[in-house]
Amino acid sequence: MLDAIRNEGASFNWIEEQRFEWTAITKHTVSQLLEGKTAILLTDERYKWFEHYISSSINSLTKERPLVSVVALDRLHYESVQMSSGQSMQMLLDLLELSFADRYFFWYIGKGSDPRSEIAKSSTNSTLWIMNEEYPNSIHLSSYDPKIDIELLQLYRLFELSLNAALFGEVEVDE
């Protein structure tokens, strides 16, 4: 991971400080995808653009690699009235259980204070790129950083490099 970060150039130096957290989170996420689990992608409102970017990019035919199962929660057409309500959250989890039979995990990107983050926080298998909050087993970002959009794109670039390396046997995710 360190080599990948350094090979991307000086603009990626900021992630080097969090490389241990980043490596653990990426390994966990890639492992689940390789096991055939579906990533249920969700973001707060501010980062909907990034959800759309990932959804349209991850399985682009130009990738020339096997497809991976990533689905944006909004594409499931589940109307989240108040995600903070226990009943609404349970209905969503029931829907996902029926649809994916416990073969899914959440991938949340956004502020930790957003009600949608509670969906991902409810599961220990979630991948969290969380902002303005320290949360265990997550990558910590700041929404106040003027370069946050660029940093998200850089993280996604590193994620894709890791995913490709695992899919093509260049690295072992179990190491």
C-alpha atoms as a PDB file:
ATOM      1  CA  MET A   1       0.000   0.000   0.000  1.00  0.00           C
ATOM      2  CA  LEU A   2       2.834   2.346   0.841  1.00  0.00           C
ATOM      3  CA  ASP A   3       4.360   1.749  -2.596  1.00  0.00           C
ATOM      4  CA  ALA A   4       1.011   2.450  -4.269  1.00  0.00           C
ATOM      5  CA  ILE A   5       0.625   5.691  -2.334  1.00  0.00           C
ATOM      6  CA  ARG A   6       4.137   6.830  -3.168  1.00  0.00           C
ATOM      7  CA  ASN A   7       3.847   5.795  -6.821  1.00  0.00           C
ATOM      8  CA  GLU A   8       0.818   8.055  -7.194  1.00  0.00           C
ATOM      9  CA  GLY A   9       2.933  11.107  -6.421  1.00  0.00           C
ATOM     10  CA  ALA A  10       3.259  13.879  -3.884  1.00  0.00           C
ATOM     11  CA  SER A  11      -0.428  14.790  -4.002  1.00  0.00           C
ATOM     12  CA  PHE A  12      -1.179  11.497  -2.192  1.00  0.00           C
ATOM     13  CA  ASN A  13       1.140  12.231   0.745  1.00  0.00           C
ATOM     14  CA  TRP A  14      -1.765  13.175   3.006  1.00  0.00           C
ATOM     15  CA  ILE A  15      -3.015   9.565   3.101  1.00  0.00           C
ATOM     16  CA  GLU A  16       0.374   8.210   4.131  1.00  0.00           C
ATOM     17  CA  GLU A  17      -0.345   9.303   7.727  1.00  0.00           C
ATOM     18  CA  GLN A  18      -3.426   7.070   7.797  1.00  0.00           C
ATOM     19  CA  ARG A  19      -2.008   4.229   5.735  1.00  0.00           C
ATOM     20  CA  PHE A  20      -2.377   1.620   8.482  1.00  0.00           C
ATOM     21  CA  GLU A  21      -6.074   2.406   8.967  1.00  0.00           C
ATOM     22  CA  TRP A  22      -6.524   2.718   5.213  1.00  0.00           C
ATOM     23  CA  THR A  23      -4.832  -0.634   4.541  1.00  0.00           C
ATOM     24  CA  ALA A  24      -6.963  -2.459   7.113  1.00  0.00           C
ATOM     25  CA  ILE A  25     -10.199  -0.927   5.809  1.00  0.00           C
ATOM     26  CA  THR A  26      -9.324  -1.603   2.183  1.00  0.00           C
ATOM     27  CA  LYS A  27      -8.277  -5.181   2.925  1.00  0.00           C
ATOM     28  CA  HIS A  28     -11.543  -5.787   4.748  1.00  0.00           C
ATOM     29  CA  THR A  29     -13.609  -4.289   1.909  1.00  0.00           C
ATOM     30  CA  VAL A  30     -11.769  -6.069  -0.898  1.00  0.00           C
ATOM     31  CA  SER A  31     -11.947  -9.383   0.985  1.00  0.00           C
ATOM     32  CA  GLN A  32     -15.704  -9.091   1.290  1.00  0.00           C
ATOM     33  CA  LEU A  33     -16.080  -8.261  -2.404  1.00  0.00           C
ATOM     34  CA  LEU A  34     -13.893 -11.233  -3.366  1.00  0.00           C
ATOM     35  CA  GLU A  35     -16.096 -13.463  -1.182  1.00  0.00           C
ATOM     36  CA  GLY A  36     -19.011 -12.434  -3.397  1.00  0.00           C
ATOM     37  CA  LYS A  37     -20.687 -10.057  -0.982  1.00  0.00           C
ATOM     38  CA  THR A  38     -22.495  -6.975  -2.255  1.00  0.00           C
ATOM     39  CA  ALA A  39     -21.408  -3.545  -1.080  1.00  0.00           C
ATOM     40  CA  ILE A  40     -24.442  -1.382  -0.344  1.00  0.00           C
ATOM     41  CA  LEU A  41     -23.106   2.093  -1.055  1.00  0.00           C
ATOM     42  CA  LEU A  42     -24.605   5.063   0.741  1.00  0.00           C
ATOM     43  CA  THR A  43     -23.569   8.642   1.311  1.00  0.00           C
ATOM     44  CA  ASP A  44     -24.917  11.745   2.940  1.00  0.00           C
ATOM     45  CA  GLU A  45     -26.567  14.343   0.684  1.00  0.00           C
ATOM     46  CA  ARG A  46     -23.380  16.374   0.187  1.00  0.00           C
ATOM     47  CA  TYR A  47     -21.546  13.417  -1.349  1.00  0.00           C
ATOM     48  CA  LYS A  48     -24.288  12.020  -3.611  1.00  0.00           C
ATOM     49  CA  TRP A  49     -22.080  13.016  -6.542  1.00  0.00           C
ATOM     50  CA  PHE A  50     -19.421  10.615  -5.249  1.00  0.00           C
ATOM     51  CA  GLU A  51     -21.944   7.799  -4.822  1.00  0.00           C
ATOM     52  CA  HIS A  52     -22.942   8.312  -8.453  1.00  0.00           C
ATOM     53  CA  TYR A  53     -19.287   8.418  -9.516  1.00  0.00           C
ATOM     54  CA  ILE A  54     -18.462   5.121  -7.789  1.00  0.00           C
ATOM     55  CA  SER A  55     -21.657   3.448  -9.033  1.00  0.00           C
ATOM     56  CA  SER A  56     -20.994   4.387 -12.631  1.00  0.00           C
ATOM     57  CA  SER A  57     -17.237   3.828 -12.508  1.00  0.00           C
ATOM     58  CA  ILE A  58     -16.584   0.653 -10.549  1.00  0.00           C
ATOM     59  CA  ASN A  59     -17.854  -1.757 -13.195  1.00  0.00           C
ATOM     60  CA  SER A  60     -17.065   0.293 -16.265  1.00  0.00           C
ATOM     61  CA  LEU A  61     -16.259  -1.946 -19.222  1.00  0.00           C
ATOM     62  CA  THR A  62     -13.013  -0.032 -19.705  1.00  0.00           C
ATOM     63  CA  LYS A  63     -11.729  -1.580 -16.454  1.00  0.00           C
ATOM     64  CA  GLU A  64     -11.045  -4.899 -18.198  1.00  0.00           C
ATOM     65  CA  ARG A  65     -11.489  -6.883 -15.003  1.00  0.00           C
ATOM     66  CA  PRO A  66     -14.178  -9.012 -13.415  1.00  0.00           C
ATOM     67  CA  LEU A  67     -17.246  -7.160 -12.193  1.00  0.00           C
ATOM     68  CA  VAL A  68     -17.787  -6.611  -8.488  1.00  0.00           C
ATOM     69  CA  SER A  69     -21.113  -6.243  -6.742  1.00  0.00           C
ATOM     70  CA  VAL A  70     -21.618  -2.656  -5.601  1.00  0.00           C
ATOM     71  CA  VAL A  71     -25.130  -1.217  -5.404  1.00  0.00           C
ATOM     72  CA  ALA A  72     -26.117   2.285  -4.342  1.00  0.00           C
ATOM     73  CA  LEU A  73     -28.816   2.153  -1.666  1.00  0.00           C
ATOM     74  CA  ASP A  74     -30.791   4.811  -3.531  1.00  0.00           C
ATOM     75  CA  ARG A  75     -30.963   2.506  -6.560  1.00  0.00           C
ATOM     76  CA  LEU A  76     -32.863  -0.027  -4.464  1.00  0.00           C
ATOM     77  CA  HIS A  77     -35.666   2.539  -4.356  1.00  0.00           C
ATOM     78  CA  TYR A  78     -36.036   2.283  -0.629  1.00  0.00           C
ATOM     79  CA  GLU A  79     -37.578   5.494   0.604  1.00  0.00           C
ATOM     80  CA  SER A  80     -35.788   6.331   3.803  1.00  0.00           C
ATOM     81  CA  VAL A  81     -38.225   8.424   5.748  1.00  0.00           C
ATOM     82  CA  GLN A  82     -36.293   8.756   8.976  1.00  0.00           C
ATOM     83  CA  MET A  83     -33.339   6.432   9.135  1.00  0.00           C
ATOM     84  CA  SER A  84     -32.842   7.303  12.750  1.00  0.00           C
ATOM     85  CA  SER A  85     -36.132   5.635  13.652  1.00  0.00           C
ATOM     86  CA  GLY A  86     -35.652   2.046  14.741  1.00  0.00           C
ATOM     87  CA  GLN A  87     -38.645   0.779  12.753  1.00  0.00           C
ATOM     88  CA  SER A  88     -37.441   2.318   9.497  1.00  0.00           C
ATOM     89  CA  MET A  89     -33.943   0.944  10.023  1.00  0.00           C
ATOM     90  CA  GLN A  90     -35.306  -2.530  10.749  1.00  0.00           C
ATOM     91  CA  MET A  91     -37.466  -2.428   7.615  1.00  0.00           C
ATOM     92  CA  LEU A  92     -34.403  -1.586   5.545  1.00  0.00           C
ATOM     93  CA  LEU A  93     -32.353  -4.363   7.133  1.00  0.00           C
ATOM     94  CA  ASP A  94     -35.211  -6.816   6.499  1.00  0.00           C
ATOM     95  CA  LEU A  95     -35.335  -5.757   2.839  1.00  0.00           C
ATOM     96  CA  LEU A  96     -31.585  -6.239   2.455  1.00  0.00           C
ATOM     97  CA  GLU A  97     -31.706  -9.612   4.200  1.00  0.00           C
ATOM     98  CA  LEU A  98     -34.439 -10.789   1.820  1.00  0.00           C
ATOM     99  CA  SER A  99     -32.581  -9.445  -1.194  1.00  0.00           C
ATOM    100  CA  PHE A 100     -29.007 -10.423  -0.358  1.00  0.00           C
ATOM    101  CA  ALA A 101     -29.358 -13.202   2.260  1.00  0.00           C
ATOM    102  CA  ASP A 102     -26.707 -11.865   4.632  1.00  0.00           C
ATOM    103  CA  ARG A 103     -24.198 -11.513   1.779  1.00  0.00           C
ATOM    104  CA  TYR A 104     -23.871  -7.738   1.893  1.00  0.00           C
ATOM    105  CA  PHE A 105     -22.080  -5.008   3.779  1.00  0.00           C
ATOM    106  CA  PHE A 106     -22.419  -1.251   3.932  1.00  0.00           C
ATOM    107  CA  TRP A 107     -19.979   1.227   2.428  1.00  0.00           C
ATOM    108  CA  TYR A 108     -20.713   4.668   3.856  1.00  0.00           C
ATOM    109  CA  ILE A 109     -19.101   7.928   2.780  1.00  0.00           C
ATOM    110  CA  GLY A 110     -20.038  11.147   4.524  1.00  0.00           C
ATOM    111  CA  LYS A 111     -20.431  12.975   7.784  1.00  0.00           C
ATOM    112  CA  GLY A 112     -20.698  10.921  10.933  1.00  0.00           C
ATOM    113  CA  SER A 113     -23.563  13.102  12.140  1.00  0.00           C
ATOM    114  CA  ASP A 114     -25.801  12.235   9.169  1.00  0.00           C
ATOM    115  CA  PRO A 115     -28.658   9.832   9.994  1.00  0.00           C
ATOM    116  CA  ARG A 116     -27.623   7.585   7.083  1.00  0.00           C
ATOM    117  CA  SER A 117     -24.317   6.894   8.831  1.00  0.00           C
ATOM    118  CA  GLU A 118     -26.303   5.060  11.510  1.00  0.00           C
ATOM    119  CA  ILE A 119     -27.234   2.405   8.950  1.00  0.00           C
ATOM    120  CA  ALA A 120     -23.576   1.573   8.344  1.00  0.00           C
ATOM    121  CA  LYS A 121     -22.605   1.984  11.994  1.00  0.00           C
ATOM    122  CA  SER A 122     -25.192  -0.661  12.899  1.00  0.00           C
ATOM    123  CA  SER A 123     -23.018  -3.359  11.303  1.00  0.00           C
ATOM    124  CA  THR A 124     -19.501  -4.423  12.231  1.00  0.00           C
ATOM    125  CA  ASN A 125     -18.739  -5.371   8.613  1.00  0.00           C
ATOM    126  CA  SER A 126     -19.215  -1.860   7.252  1.00  0.00           C
ATOM    127  CA  THR A 127     -16.645   0.182   5.410  1.00  0.00           C
ATOM    128  CA  LEU A 128     -16.696   3.751   6.698  1.00  0.00           C
ATOM    129  CA  TRP A 129     -15.078   6.766   5.081  1.00  0.00           C
ATOM    130  CA  ILE A 130     -16.386   9.064   7.764  1.00  0.00           C
ATOM    131  CA  MET A 131     -16.063  12.805   8.179  1.00  0.00           C
ATOM    132  CA  ASN A 132     -15.813  15.023  11.223  1.00  0.00           C
ATOM    133  CA  GLU A 133     -15.960  12.112  13.622  1.00  0.00           C
ATOM    134  CA  GLU A 134     -13.528   9.638  15.102  1.00  0.00           C
ATOM    135  CA  TYR A 135     -15.045   6.195  14.694  1.00  0.00           C
ATOM    136  CA  PRO A 136     -13.369   2.807  15.169  1.00  0.00           C
ATOM    137  CA  ASN A 137     -12.249   0.928  12.065  1.00  0.00           C
ATOM    138  CA  SER A 138     -12.855   3.817   9.708  1.00  0.00           C
ATOM    139  CA  ILE A 139     -10.903   6.271   7.631  1.00  0.00           C
ATOM    140  CA  HIS A 140     -11.241   9.730   9.164  1.00  0.00           C
ATOM    141  CA  LEU A 141     -11.706  12.719   6.903  1.00  0.00           C
ATOM    142  CA  SER A 142     -12.701  16.344   7.332  1.00  0.00           C
ATOM    143  CA  SER A 143     -15.545  17.858   5.353  1.00  0.00           C
ATOM    144  CA  TYR A 144     -14.000  21.254   6.140  1.00  0.00           C
ATOM    145  CA  ASP A 145     -10.875  20.411   4.153  1.00  0.00           C
ATOM    146  CA  PRO A 146     -10.959  22.507   0.966  1.00  0.00           C
ATOM    147  CA  LYS A 147      -9.485  19.544  -0.930  1.00  0.00           C
ATOM    148  CA  ILE A 148     -11.955  16.931   0.353  1.00  0.00           C
ATOM    149  CA  ASP A 149     -13.435  16.180  -3.074  1.00  0.00           C
ATOM    150  CA  ILE A 150      -9.977  15.599  -4.520  1.00  0.00           C
ATOM    151  CA  GLU A 151      -9.035  13.441  -1.537  1.00  0.00           C
ATOM    152  CA  LEU A 152     -12.143  11.284  -2.007  1.00  0.00           C
ATOM    153  CA  LEU A 153     -11.236  10.738  -5.645  1.00  0.00           C
ATOM    154  CA  GLN A 154      -7.682   9.861  -4.609  1.00  0.00           C
ATOM    155  CA  LEU A 155      -8.942   7.366  -2.028  1.00  0.00           C
ATOM    156  CA  TYR A 156     -11.141   5.783  -4.653  1.00  0.00           C
ATOM    157  CA  ARG A 157      -8.146   5.569  -7.012  1.00  0.00           C
ATOM    158  CA  LEU A 158      -6.134   3.745  -4.322  1.00  0.00           C
ATOM    159  CA  PHE A 159      -9.108   1.509  -3.598  1.00  0.00           C
ATOM    160  CA  GLU A 160      -9.379   0.531  -7.263  1.00  0.00           C
ATOM    161  CA  LEU A 161      -5.635  -0.157  -7.467  1.00  0.00           C
ATOM    162  CA  SER A 162      -5.975  -2.444  -4.435  1.00  0.00           C
ATOM    163  CA  LEU A 163      -9.053  -4.168  -5.848  1.00  0.00           C
ATOM    164  CA  ASN A 164      -7.350  -4.764  -9.189  1.00  0.00           C
ATOM    165  CA  ALA A 165      -4.205  -6.103  -7.511  1.00  0.00           C
ATOM    166  CA  ALA A 166      -6.298  -8.554  -5.480  1.00  0.00           C
ATOM    167  CA  LEU A 167      -8.424  -9.630  -8.454  1.00  0.00           C
ATOM    168  CA  PHE A 168      -5.362 -10.280 -10.596  1.00  0.00           C
ATOM    169  CA  GLY A 169      -3.445 -12.090  -7.862  1.00  0.00           C
ATOM    170  CA  GLU A 170      -0.748  -9.442  -7.495  1.00  0.00           C
ATOM    171  CA  VAL A 171      -1.392  -9.324  -3.726  1.00  0.00           C
ATOM    172  CA  GLU A 172      -2.946 -11.687  -1.223  1.00  0.00           C
ATOM    173  CA  VAL A 173      -5.690 -10.084   0.827  1.00  0.00           C
ATOM    174  CA  ASP A 174      -5.252 -12.691   3.544  1.00  0.00           C
ATOM    175  CA  GLU A 175      -1.686 -11.507   4.264  1.00  0.00           C
END
